[in-house]
Amino acid sequence: MTVTELENIKTEYEKRNLHLFVGFNRRFAPQIISIKRAFSDIAPKSINYRINAGTLPPTHWVQDPEIGGGRIIGEVCHFIDLCTYLAGGKIISVSSNSITDSVALNDTLTINLSYSNGSVASICYFSNGNKNLSKEYLEVFCAGRLLL
């Protein structure tokens, strides 16, 4: 979660010739593999990803900057990775807005990403939603088609 930790990983990787894996697992789900196969990486896509995350108290370990890094580093990174994987391009611009809450967690936010191949993604990560709504909803629009 810190530059020092990253440097330590890099040093060990180079010293021991290790394999390094990042645990972004959503791209390996069967539904995601089907969506990825349906579209060329060259074709620009519009991706809408809503996450109804639910609330976590500020005392939860995920919210601790030293242990969990907060919800953006600890969880939203997975959604950014998935959108980037589906888009098939490199991120070229990022914008974000959040709702300021009473405990300054700012974990209700929207993120807009633009990609080198013309794709765009909108990630809506809401900690203030209703538990009766499903946690995740993904739409990928491309070439007159929509995949959910």
N, C-alpha and C. Protein backbone atom coordinates (compact mmCIF):
# COMPACT_ATOMS: atom_id res chain seq x y z
N MET A 1 0.81 -1.20 0.00
CA MET A 1 0.00 0.00 0.00
C MET A 1 0.85 1.26 0.00
N THR A 2 2.16 1.09 0.20
CA THR A 2 3.03 2.25 0.23
C THR A 2 4.16 2.07 -0.78
N VAL A 3 4.82 3.16 -1.10
CA VAL A 3 5.96 3.11 -2.01
C VAL A 3 7.06 2.22 -1.42
N THR A 4 7.29 2.31 -0.13
CA THR A 4 8.30 1.48 0.53
C THR A 4 7.97 -0.01 0.38
N GLU A 5 6.71 -0.37 0.59
CA GLU A 5 6.31 -1.77 0.41
C GLU A 5 6.51 -2.22 -1.02
N LEU A 6 6.20 -1.37 -1.97
CA LEU A 6 6.40 -1.70 -3.38
C LEU A 6 7.88 -1.88 -3.70
N GLU A 7 8.71 -1.03 -3.16
CA GLU A 7 10.16 -1.17 -3.36
C GLU A 7 10.68 -2.47 -2.76
N ASN A 8 10.17 -2.84 -1.59
CA ASN A 8 10.56 -4.11 -0.96
C ASN A 8 10.16 -5.31 -1.82
N ILE A 9 8.97 -5.26 -2.39
CA ILE A 9 8.52 -6.33 -3.28
C ILE A 9 9.42 -6.40 -4.51
N LYS A 10 9.73 -5.27 -5.08
CA LYS A 10 10.60 -5.21 -6.26
C LYS A 10 11.98 -5.80 -5.95
N THR A 11 12.54 -5.44 -4.82
CA THR A 11 13.86 -5.95 -4.42
C THR A 11 13.84 -7.47 -4.28
N GLU A 12 12.84 -8.01 -3.60
CA GLU A 12 12.75 -9.46 -3.41
C GLU A 12 12.52 -10.17 -4.74
N TYR A 13 11.71 -9.59 -5.58
CA TYR A 13 11.42 -10.16 -6.90
C TYR A 13 12.70 -10.28 -7.72
N GLU A 14 13.48 -9.21 -7.75
CA GLU A 14 14.73 -9.20 -8.52
C GLU A 14 15.79 -10.10 -7.90
N LYS A 15 15.86 -10.13 -6.59
CA LYS A 15 16.89 -10.90 -5.89
C LYS A 15 16.66 -12.41 -6.03
N ARG A 16 15.43 -12.82 -5.97
CA ARG A 16 15.12 -14.25 -5.94
C ARG A 16 14.53 -14.79 -7.23
N ASN A 17 14.32 -13.94 -8.24
CA ASN A 17 13.69 -14.36 -9.49
C ASN A 17 12.33 -15.00 -9.23
N LEU A 18 11.52 -14.33 -8.45
CA LEU A 18 10.20 -14.82 -8.06
C LEU A 18 9.15 -14.49 -9.11
N HIS A 19 8.03 -15.16 -9.02
CA HIS A 19 6.86 -14.82 -9.82
C HIS A 19 5.97 -13.93 -8.97
N LEU A 20 5.46 -12.89 -9.56
CA LEU A 20 4.61 -11.96 -8.85
C LEU A 20 3.20 -12.02 -9.42
N PHE A 21 2.23 -12.20 -8.56
CA PHE A 21 0.84 -12.27 -8.97
C PHE A 21 0.03 -11.23 -8.21
N VAL A 22 -0.89 -10.61 -8.89
CA VAL A 22 -1.81 -9.67 -8.26
C VAL A 22 -3.17 -10.35 -8.24
N GLY A 23 -3.87 -10.26 -7.14
CA GLY A 23 -5.11 -11.01 -6.96
C GLY A 23 -6.34 -10.37 -7.55
N PHE A 24 -6.27 -9.89 -8.78
CA PHE A 24 -7.47 -9.37 -9.44
C PHE A 24 -8.20 -10.55 -10.06
N ASN A 25 -9.22 -11.04 -9.37
CA ASN A 25 -9.85 -12.30 -9.75
C ASN A 25 -11.09 -12.17 -10.63
N ARG A 26 -11.71 -11.02 -10.69
CA ARG A 26 -12.97 -10.92 -11.42
C ARG A 26 -12.83 -11.22 -12.91
N ARG A 27 -11.68 -10.91 -13.48
CA ARG A 27 -11.49 -11.15 -14.92
C ARG A 27 -11.51 -12.64 -15.28
N PHE A 28 -11.42 -13.52 -14.29
CA PHE A 28 -11.41 -14.96 -14.56
C PHE A 28 -12.79 -15.60 -14.39
N ALA A 29 -13.79 -14.82 -14.03
CA ALA A 29 -15.15 -15.35 -13.89
C ALA A 29 -15.68 -15.75 -15.28
N PRO A 30 -16.40 -16.86 -15.39
CA PRO A 30 -16.90 -17.31 -16.69
C PRO A 30 -17.70 -16.24 -17.46
N GLN A 31 -18.52 -15.47 -16.75
CA GLN A 31 -19.31 -14.44 -17.43
C GLN A 31 -18.40 -13.37 -18.04
N ILE A 32 -17.35 -13.01 -17.34
CA ILE A 32 -16.42 -11.99 -17.83
C ILE A 32 -15.64 -12.52 -19.03
N ILE A 33 -15.23 -13.76 -18.97
CA ILE A 33 -14.52 -14.37 -20.10
C ILE A 33 -15.40 -14.34 -21.35
N SER A 34 -16.69 -14.62 -21.18
CA SER A 34 -17.62 -14.57 -22.32
C SER A 34 -17.75 -13.17 -22.89
N ILE A 35 -17.84 -12.17 -22.02
CA ILE A 35 -17.93 -10.79 -22.48
C ILE A 35 -16.65 -10.40 -23.22
N LYS A 36 -15.52 -10.75 -22.66
CA LYS A 36 -14.23 -10.40 -23.27
C LYS A 36 -14.10 -11.01 -24.66
N ARG A 37 -14.52 -12.25 -24.81
CA ARG A 37 -14.45 -12.94 -26.11
C ARG A 37 -15.41 -12.35 -27.14
N ALA A 38 -16.49 -11.74 -26.67
CA ALA A 38 -17.52 -11.24 -27.58
C ALA A 38 -17.09 -9.98 -28.33
N PHE A 39 -16.12 -9.25 -27.80
CA PHE A 39 -15.72 -7.98 -28.39
C PHE A 39 -14.22 -7.93 -28.63
N SER A 40 -13.84 -7.30 -29.71
CA SER A 40 -12.43 -7.05 -29.99
C SER A 40 -11.90 -5.96 -29.07
N ASP A 41 -10.63 -6.04 -28.69
CA ASP A 41 -10.02 -4.99 -27.88
C ASP A 41 -9.95 -3.67 -28.63
N ILE A 42 -9.95 -3.73 -29.95
CA ILE A 42 -9.87 -2.52 -30.77
C ILE A 42 -11.18 -1.73 -30.71
N ALA A 43 -12.30 -2.45 -30.63
CA ALA A 43 -13.61 -1.80 -30.64
C ALA A 43 -13.84 -1.02 -29.35
N PRO A 44 -14.21 0.27 -29.45
CA PRO A 44 -14.48 1.04 -28.24
C PRO A 44 -15.75 0.55 -27.54
N LYS A 45 -15.67 0.48 -26.25
CA LYS A 45 -16.78 0.01 -25.43
C LYS A 45 -17.20 1.09 -24.44
N SER A 46 -18.45 1.06 -24.07
CA SER A 46 -18.97 1.88 -22.97
C SER A 46 -19.33 0.91 -21.86
N ILE A 47 -18.70 1.11 -20.71
CA ILE A 47 -18.88 0.19 -19.59
C ILE A 47 -19.51 0.95 -18.43
N ASN A 48 -20.56 0.37 -17.90
CA ASN A 48 -21.24 0.93 -16.73
C ASN A 48 -21.20 -0.13 -15.63
N TYR A 49 -20.57 0.19 -14.53
CA TYR A 49 -20.39 -0.79 -13.44
C TYR A 49 -20.85 -0.15 -12.14
N ARG A 50 -21.95 -0.68 -11.59
CA ARG A 50 -22.48 -0.19 -10.32
C ARG A 50 -22.19 -1.19 -9.22
N ILE A 51 -21.64 -0.69 -8.14
CA ILE A 51 -21.35 -1.53 -6.98
C ILE A 51 -22.11 -0.97 -5.79
N ASN A 52 -23.03 -1.75 -5.27
CA ASN A 52 -23.80 -1.40 -4.09
C ASN A 52 -23.08 -2.03 -2.89
N ALA A 53 -22.03 -1.39 -2.44
CA ALA A 53 -21.08 -1.99 -1.50
C ALA A 53 -21.60 -2.12 -0.08
N GLY A 54 -22.48 -1.26 0.32
CA GLY A 54 -22.93 -1.26 1.70
C GLY A 54 -21.96 -0.51 2.60
N THR A 55 -22.42 -0.19 3.75
CA THR A 55 -21.62 0.62 4.67
C THR A 55 -20.72 -0.23 5.54
N LEU A 56 -19.56 0.31 5.86
CA LEU A 56 -18.65 -0.28 6.83
C LEU A 56 -18.30 0.80 7.84
N PRO A 57 -18.26 0.44 9.11
CA PRO A 57 -17.93 1.46 10.12
C PRO A 57 -16.46 1.88 9.99
N PRO A 58 -16.12 3.07 10.45
CA PRO A 58 -14.74 3.53 10.35
C PRO A 58 -13.77 2.67 11.14
N THR A 59 -14.27 1.85 12.06
CA THR A 59 -13.40 0.98 12.86
C THR A 59 -13.11 -0.36 12.17
N HIS A 60 -13.74 -0.63 11.05
CA HIS A 60 -13.53 -1.88 10.31
C HIS A 60 -12.10 -1.91 9.78
N TRP A 61 -11.47 -3.09 9.76
CA TRP A 61 -10.07 -3.21 9.34
C TRP A 61 -9.83 -2.70 7.92
N VAL A 62 -10.82 -2.84 7.03
CA VAL A 62 -10.66 -2.36 5.66
C VAL A 62 -10.43 -0.84 5.64
N GLN A 63 -11.05 -0.13 6.58
CA GLN A 63 -10.94 1.32 6.63
C GLN A 63 -9.61 1.79 7.22
N ASP A 64 -8.86 0.91 7.85
CA ASP A 64 -7.58 1.27 8.46
C ASP A 64 -6.53 1.46 7.36
N PRO A 65 -5.97 2.66 7.22
CA PRO A 65 -5.01 2.92 6.15
C PRO A 65 -3.76 2.04 6.22
N GLU A 66 -3.42 1.58 7.39
CA GLU A 66 -2.21 0.75 7.55
C GLU A 66 -2.46 -0.72 7.24
N ILE A 67 -3.69 -1.19 7.41
CA ILE A 67 -3.98 -2.62 7.23
C ILE A 67 -4.76 -2.87 5.94
N GLY A 68 -5.89 -2.19 5.79
CA GLY A 68 -6.75 -2.42 4.63
C GLY A 68 -6.59 -1.40 3.53
N GLY A 69 -6.07 -0.24 3.86
CA GLY A 69 -5.85 0.79 2.87
C GLY A 69 -7.06 1.64 2.53
N GLY A 70 -8.21 1.30 3.11
CA GLY A 70 -9.45 1.99 2.75
C GLY A 70 -10.13 1.25 1.61
N ARG A 71 -11.34 1.59 1.35
CA ARG A 71 -12.14 0.85 0.38
C ARG A 71 -11.69 1.07 -1.06
N ILE A 72 -11.12 2.22 -1.36
CA ILE A 72 -10.68 2.47 -2.73
C ILE A 72 -9.50 1.57 -3.06
N ILE A 73 -8.50 1.57 -2.21
CA ILE A 73 -7.32 0.72 -2.45
C ILE A 73 -7.67 -0.75 -2.28
N GLY A 74 -8.47 -1.06 -1.28
CA GLY A 74 -8.75 -2.46 -0.96
C GLY A 74 -9.80 -3.15 -1.81
N GLU A 75 -10.72 -2.40 -2.38
CA GLU A 75 -11.79 -3.04 -3.14
C GLU A 75 -12.02 -2.42 -4.52
N VAL A 76 -12.06 -1.10 -4.60
CA VAL A 76 -12.36 -0.46 -5.88
C VAL A 76 -11.30 -0.79 -6.93
N CYS A 77 -10.08 -1.07 -6.48
CA CYS A 77 -9.02 -1.45 -7.43
C CYS A 77 -9.44 -2.65 -8.28
N HIS A 78 -10.22 -3.56 -7.73
CA HIS A 78 -10.70 -4.72 -8.49
C HIS A 78 -11.65 -4.30 -9.62
N PHE A 79 -12.47 -3.31 -9.36
CA PHE A 79 -13.43 -2.85 -10.37
C PHE A 79 -12.73 -2.06 -11.47
N ILE A 80 -11.73 -1.29 -11.09
CA ILE A 80 -10.92 -0.57 -12.08
C ILE A 80 -10.20 -1.58 -12.97
N ASP A 81 -9.62 -2.60 -12.37
CA ASP A 81 -8.94 -3.64 -13.15
C ASP A 81 -9.90 -4.32 -14.12
N LEU A 82 -11.08 -4.67 -13.65
CA LEU A 82 -12.04 -5.36 -14.51
C LEU A 82 -12.46 -4.48 -15.69
N CYS A 83 -12.77 -3.23 -15.43
CA CYS A 83 -13.15 -2.33 -16.53
C CYS A 83 -12.00 -2.18 -17.52
N THR A 84 -10.79 -2.08 -17.03
CA THR A 84 -9.62 -1.94 -17.90
C THR A 84 -9.43 -3.19 -18.74
N TYR A 85 -9.60 -4.34 -18.13
CA TYR A 85 -9.50 -5.61 -18.85
C TYR A 85 -10.54 -5.68 -19.97
N LEU A 86 -11.79 -5.34 -19.65
CA LEU A 86 -12.85 -5.40 -20.64
C LEU A 86 -12.68 -4.34 -21.73
N ALA A 87 -12.23 -3.16 -21.35
CA ALA A 87 -12.05 -2.08 -22.32
C ALA A 87 -10.99 -2.44 -23.36
N GLY A 88 -9.93 -3.12 -22.93
CA GLY A 88 -8.90 -3.54 -23.87
C GLY A 88 -7.91 -2.45 -24.25
N GLY A 89 -7.88 -1.37 -23.51
CA GLY A 89 -6.93 -0.29 -23.76
C GLY A 89 -6.29 0.16 -22.47
N LYS A 90 -5.39 1.11 -22.59
CA LYS A 90 -4.74 1.68 -21.41
C LYS A 90 -5.52 2.91 -20.95
N ILE A 91 -5.57 3.10 -19.64
CA ILE A 91 -6.25 4.28 -19.09
C ILE A 91 -5.46 5.52 -19.49
N ILE A 92 -6.19 6.51 -20.05
CA ILE A 92 -5.52 7.76 -20.42
C ILE A 92 -6.04 8.96 -19.61
N SER A 93 -7.20 8.81 -18.98
CA SER A 93 -7.68 9.87 -18.09
C SER A 93 -8.60 9.30 -17.02
N VAL A 94 -8.60 9.97 -15.88
CA VAL A 94 -9.40 9.56 -14.72
C VAL A 94 -10.03 10.80 -14.12
N SER A 95 -11.30 10.70 -13.77
CA SER A 95 -11.93 11.74 -12.95
C SER A 95 -12.81 11.03 -11.92
N SER A 96 -13.01 11.70 -10.80
CA SER A 96 -13.77 11.08 -9.73
C SER A 96 -14.43 12.14 -8.86
N ASN A 97 -15.57 11.78 -8.31
CA ASN A 97 -16.27 12.62 -7.34
C ASN A 97 -16.78 11.73 -6.24
N SER A 98 -16.79 12.26 -5.02
CA SER A 98 -17.30 11.46 -3.91
C SER A 98 -18.24 12.30 -3.05
N ILE A 99 -19.02 11.58 -2.27
CA ILE A 99 -19.88 12.22 -1.28
C ILE A 99 -19.09 12.28 0.02
N THR A 100 -18.99 13.45 0.59
CA THR A 100 -18.34 13.58 1.89
C THR A 100 -19.32 13.13 2.96
N ASP A 101 -18.89 12.17 3.76
CA ASP A 101 -19.77 11.68 4.81
C ASP A 101 -19.30 12.19 6.17
N SER A 102 -20.07 11.89 7.19
CA SER A 102 -19.82 12.45 8.52
C SER A 102 -18.52 11.97 9.16
N VAL A 103 -17.96 10.87 8.68
CA VAL A 103 -16.71 10.36 9.26
C VAL A 103 -15.55 10.45 8.26
N ALA A 104 -15.73 11.21 7.18
CA ALA A 104 -14.68 11.52 6.19
C ALA A 104 -14.09 10.28 5.53
N LEU A 105 -14.92 9.26 5.28
CA LEU A 105 -14.43 8.07 4.58
C LEU A 105 -14.48 8.25 3.07
N ASN A 106 -15.44 9.04 2.59
CA ASN A 106 -15.59 9.30 1.16
C ASN A 106 -15.65 8.01 0.34
N ASP A 107 -16.35 7.01 0.83
CA ASP A 107 -16.42 5.74 0.11
C ASP A 107 -17.73 5.54 -0.63
N THR A 108 -18.38 6.63 -0.98
CA THR A 108 -19.45 6.64 -1.97
C THR A 108 -18.97 7.57 -3.06
N LEU A 109 -18.67 6.99 -4.25
CA LEU A 109 -18.03 7.79 -5.28
C LEU A 109 -18.33 7.27 -6.67
N THR A 110 -18.05 8.11 -7.64
CA THR A 110 -18.09 7.72 -9.03
C THR A 110 -16.71 7.96 -9.62
N ILE A 111 -16.31 7.06 -10.52
CA ILE A 111 -15.02 7.17 -11.21
C ILE A 111 -15.30 7.06 -12.70
N ASN A 112 -14.76 7.96 -13.47
CA ASN A 112 -14.87 7.91 -14.93
C ASN A 112 -13.50 7.69 -15.51
N LEU A 113 -13.40 6.68 -16.37
CA LEU A 113 -12.13 6.32 -17.00
C LEU A 113 -12.25 6.43 -18.50
N SER A 114 -11.22 6.94 -19.14
CA SER A 114 -11.12 6.96 -20.60
C SER A 114 -9.92 6.13 -20.99
N TYR A 115 -10.03 5.43 -22.13
CA TYR A 115 -9.00 4.49 -22.56
C TYR A 115 -8.41 4.87 -23.91
N SER A 116 -7.22 4.35 -24.16
CA SER A 116 -6.48 4.65 -25.39
C SER A 116 -7.20 4.19 -26.65
N ASN A 117 -8.08 3.22 -26.56
CA ASN A 117 -8.80 2.73 -27.74
C ASN A 117 -10.18 3.39 -27.91
N GLY A 118 -10.44 4.43 -27.15
CA GLY A 118 -11.72 5.14 -27.26
C GLY A 118 -12.78 4.66 -26.30
N SER A 119 -12.52 3.61 -25.56
CA SER A 119 -13.49 3.10 -24.59
C SER A 119 -13.62 4.05 -23.41
N VAL A 120 -14.77 3.96 -22.74
CA VAL A 120 -15.01 4.72 -21.52
C VAL A 120 -15.65 3.78 -20.50
N ALA A 121 -15.40 4.07 -19.23
CA ALA A 121 -16.01 3.29 -18.16
C ALA A 121 -16.45 4.21 -17.04
N SER A 122 -17.59 3.89 -16.47
CA SER A 122 -18.10 4.60 -15.31
C SER A 122 -18.28 3.58 -14.19
N ILE A 123 -17.59 3.82 -13.10
CA ILE A 123 -17.70 2.95 -11.93
C ILE A 123 -18.40 3.74 -10.84
N CYS A 124 -19.54 3.24 -10.41
CA CYS A 124 -20.31 3.88 -9.34
C CYS A 124 -20.23 2.98 -8.12
N TYR A 125 -19.47 3.40 -7.14
CA TYR A 125 -19.24 2.62 -5.93
C TYR A 125 -19.99 3.30 -4.80
N PHE A 126 -21.06 2.65 -4.36
CA PHE A 126 -21.95 3.27 -3.38
C PHE A 126 -21.94 2.51 -2.06
N SER A 127 -21.57 3.20 -1.00
CA SER A 127 -21.66 2.60 0.33
C SER A 127 -22.93 3.03 1.05
N ASN A 128 -23.74 3.83 0.38
CA ASN A 128 -24.94 4.35 1.01
C ASN A 128 -26.22 3.75 0.43
N GLY A 129 -26.11 2.59 -0.22
CA GLY A 129 -27.26 1.98 -0.86
C GLY A 129 -28.09 1.09 0.06
N ASN A 130 -29.06 0.43 -0.54
CA ASN A 130 -29.98 -0.44 0.17
C ASN A 130 -29.51 -1.89 0.04
N LYS A 131 -29.54 -2.65 1.12
CA LYS A 131 -29.08 -4.04 1.12
C LYS A 131 -29.93 -4.96 0.26
N ASN A 132 -31.14 -4.53 -0.11
CA ASN A 132 -32.01 -5.36 -0.94
C ASN A 132 -31.60 -5.36 -2.41
N LEU A 133 -30.74 -4.44 -2.80
CA LEU A 133 -30.25 -4.38 -4.17
C LEU A 133 -29.00 -5.24 -4.30
N SER A 134 -28.85 -5.92 -5.43
CA SER A 134 -27.66 -6.76 -5.62
C SER A 134 -26.39 -5.93 -5.50
N LYS A 135 -25.29 -6.59 -5.16
CA LYS A 135 -24.04 -5.86 -4.93
C LYS A 135 -23.45 -5.30 -6.21
N GLU A 136 -23.43 -6.08 -7.29
CA GLU A 136 -22.77 -5.63 -8.50
C GLU A 136 -23.68 -5.75 -9.71
N TYR A 137 -23.56 -4.77 -10.61
CA TYR A 137 -24.29 -4.79 -11.87
C TYR A 137 -23.38 -4.20 -12.94
N LEU A 138 -23.12 -4.99 -13.97
CA LEU A 138 -22.18 -4.60 -15.02
C LEU A 138 -22.87 -4.63 -16.37
N GLU A 139 -22.69 -3.56 -17.15
CA GLU A 139 -23.19 -3.48 -18.52
C GLU A 139 -22.02 -3.10 -19.43
N VAL A 140 -21.91 -3.79 -20.56
CA VAL A 140 -20.90 -3.47 -21.55
C VAL A 140 -21.60 -3.26 -22.89
N PHE A 141 -21.49 -2.05 -23.42
CA PHE A 141 -22.09 -1.67 -24.67
C PHE A 141 -20.99 -1.60 -25.74
N CYS A 142 -21.23 -2.19 -26.92
CA CYS A 142 -20.22 -2.15 -27.98
C CYS A 142 -20.86 -2.56 -29.29
N ALA A 143 -20.62 -1.78 -30.34
CA ALA A 143 -21.03 -2.12 -31.71
C ALA A 143 -22.50 -2.54 -31.80
N GLY A 144 -23.37 -1.80 -31.15
CA GLY A 144 -24.81 -2.09 -31.22
C GLY A 144 -25.26 -3.25 -30.35
N ARG A 145 -24.37 -3.75 -29.51
CA ARG A 145 -24.72 -4.87 -28.63
C ARG A 145 -24.58 -4.45 -27.18
N LEU A 146 -25.28 -5.17 -26.31
CA LEU A 146 -25.20 -4.97 -24.88
C LEU A 146 -25.03 -6.31 -24.22
N LEU A 147 -24.03 -6.45 -23.39
CA LEU A 147 -23.85 -7.67 -22.60
C LEU A 147 -23.90 -7.30 -21.13
N LEU A 148 -24.64 -8.10 -20.37
CA LEU A 148 -24.81 -7.88 -18.92
C LEU A 148 -24.08 -8.96 -18.15
